[in-house]
Amino acid sequence: MASLEVKFSVFVLLMLAASAIFILWGVNKGDYLMLALGIGAAICGLFLGMKMVLRKASR
């Protein structure tokens, strides 16, 4: 079984990948809701990733 850190890292990477898809879809189709969803997911993914890095650095 994978550790919690590995699962969290995979989750953050998937969130960033999904945000890129949503942003590209929003730009291509002119759908501002998808664009906003992608930007929000990117911000959340980056925030969670930085939180994980800071937690790992504080050990």
Protein backbone atom coordinates (compact mmCIF):
# COMPACT_ATOMS: atom_id res chain seq x y z
CA MET A 1 0.00 0.00 0.00
CA ALA A 2 1.30 3.43 -0.93
CA SER A 3 2.02 5.93 1.77
CA LEU A 4 -0.18 8.93 2.37
CA GLU A 5 2.45 11.30 0.93
CA VAL A 6 2.53 9.39 -2.35
CA LYS A 7 -1.27 9.39 -2.60
CA PHE A 8 -1.36 13.11 -1.84
CA SER A 9 1.33 13.82 -4.45
CA VAL A 10 -0.61 11.88 -7.09
CA PHE A 11 -3.79 13.76 -6.14
CA VAL A 12 -2.06 17.14 -6.52
CA LEU A 13 -0.61 16.15 -9.90
CA LEU A 14 -4.00 14.94 -11.13
CA MET A 15 -5.59 18.19 -9.97
CA LEU A 16 -3.02 20.22 -11.88
CA ALA A 17 -3.48 18.07 -14.99
CA ALA A 18 -7.25 18.47 -14.78
CA SER A 19 -6.86 22.22 -14.39
CA ALA A 20 -4.77 22.37 -17.56
CA ILE A 21 -7.45 20.43 -19.45
CA PHE A 22 -10.20 22.72 -18.13
CA ILE A 23 -8.23 25.86 -18.99
CA LEU A 24 -7.48 24.64 -22.52
CA TRP A 25 -11.10 23.58 -23.01
CA GLY A 26 -12.34 26.94 -21.76
CA VAL A 27 -10.01 28.90 -24.04
CA ASN A 28 -10.76 26.72 -27.07
CA LYS A 29 -14.56 26.72 -26.72
CA GLY A 30 -14.92 30.19 -25.19
CA ASP A 31 -16.56 28.65 -22.12
CA TYR A 32 -15.75 30.95 -19.21
CA LEU A 33 -17.13 28.53 -16.61
CA MET A 34 -14.60 25.85 -17.59
CA LEU A 35 -11.87 28.47 -17.66
CA ALA A 36 -12.77 29.61 -14.14
CA LEU A 37 -12.96 26.00 -12.95
CA GLY A 38 -9.51 25.31 -14.39
CA ILE A 39 -7.98 28.39 -12.79
CA GLY A 40 -9.57 27.50 -9.45
CA ALA A 41 -8.28 23.93 -9.64
CA ALA A 42 -4.81 25.19 -10.52
CA ILE A 43 -4.77 27.53 -7.53
CA CYS A 44 -5.96 24.74 -5.21
CA GLY A 45 -3.43 22.29 -6.64
CA LEU A 46 -0.56 24.72 -6.27
CA PHE A 47 -1.66 25.62 -2.73
CA LEU A 48 -1.87 21.96 -1.71
CA GLY A 49 1.47 21.23 -3.38
CA MET A 50 3.19 24.09 -1.57
CA LYS A 51 1.61 22.99 1.70
CA MET A 52 2.98 19.48 1.15
CA VAL A 53 6.46 20.80 0.34
CA LEU A 54 6.51 23.10 3.38
CA ARG A 55 5.36 20.28 5.63
CA LYS A 56 8.09 18.01 4.28
CA ALA A 57 10.72 20.78 4.68
CA SER A 58 9.76 21.43 8.30
CA ARG A 59 10.63 17.89 9.37
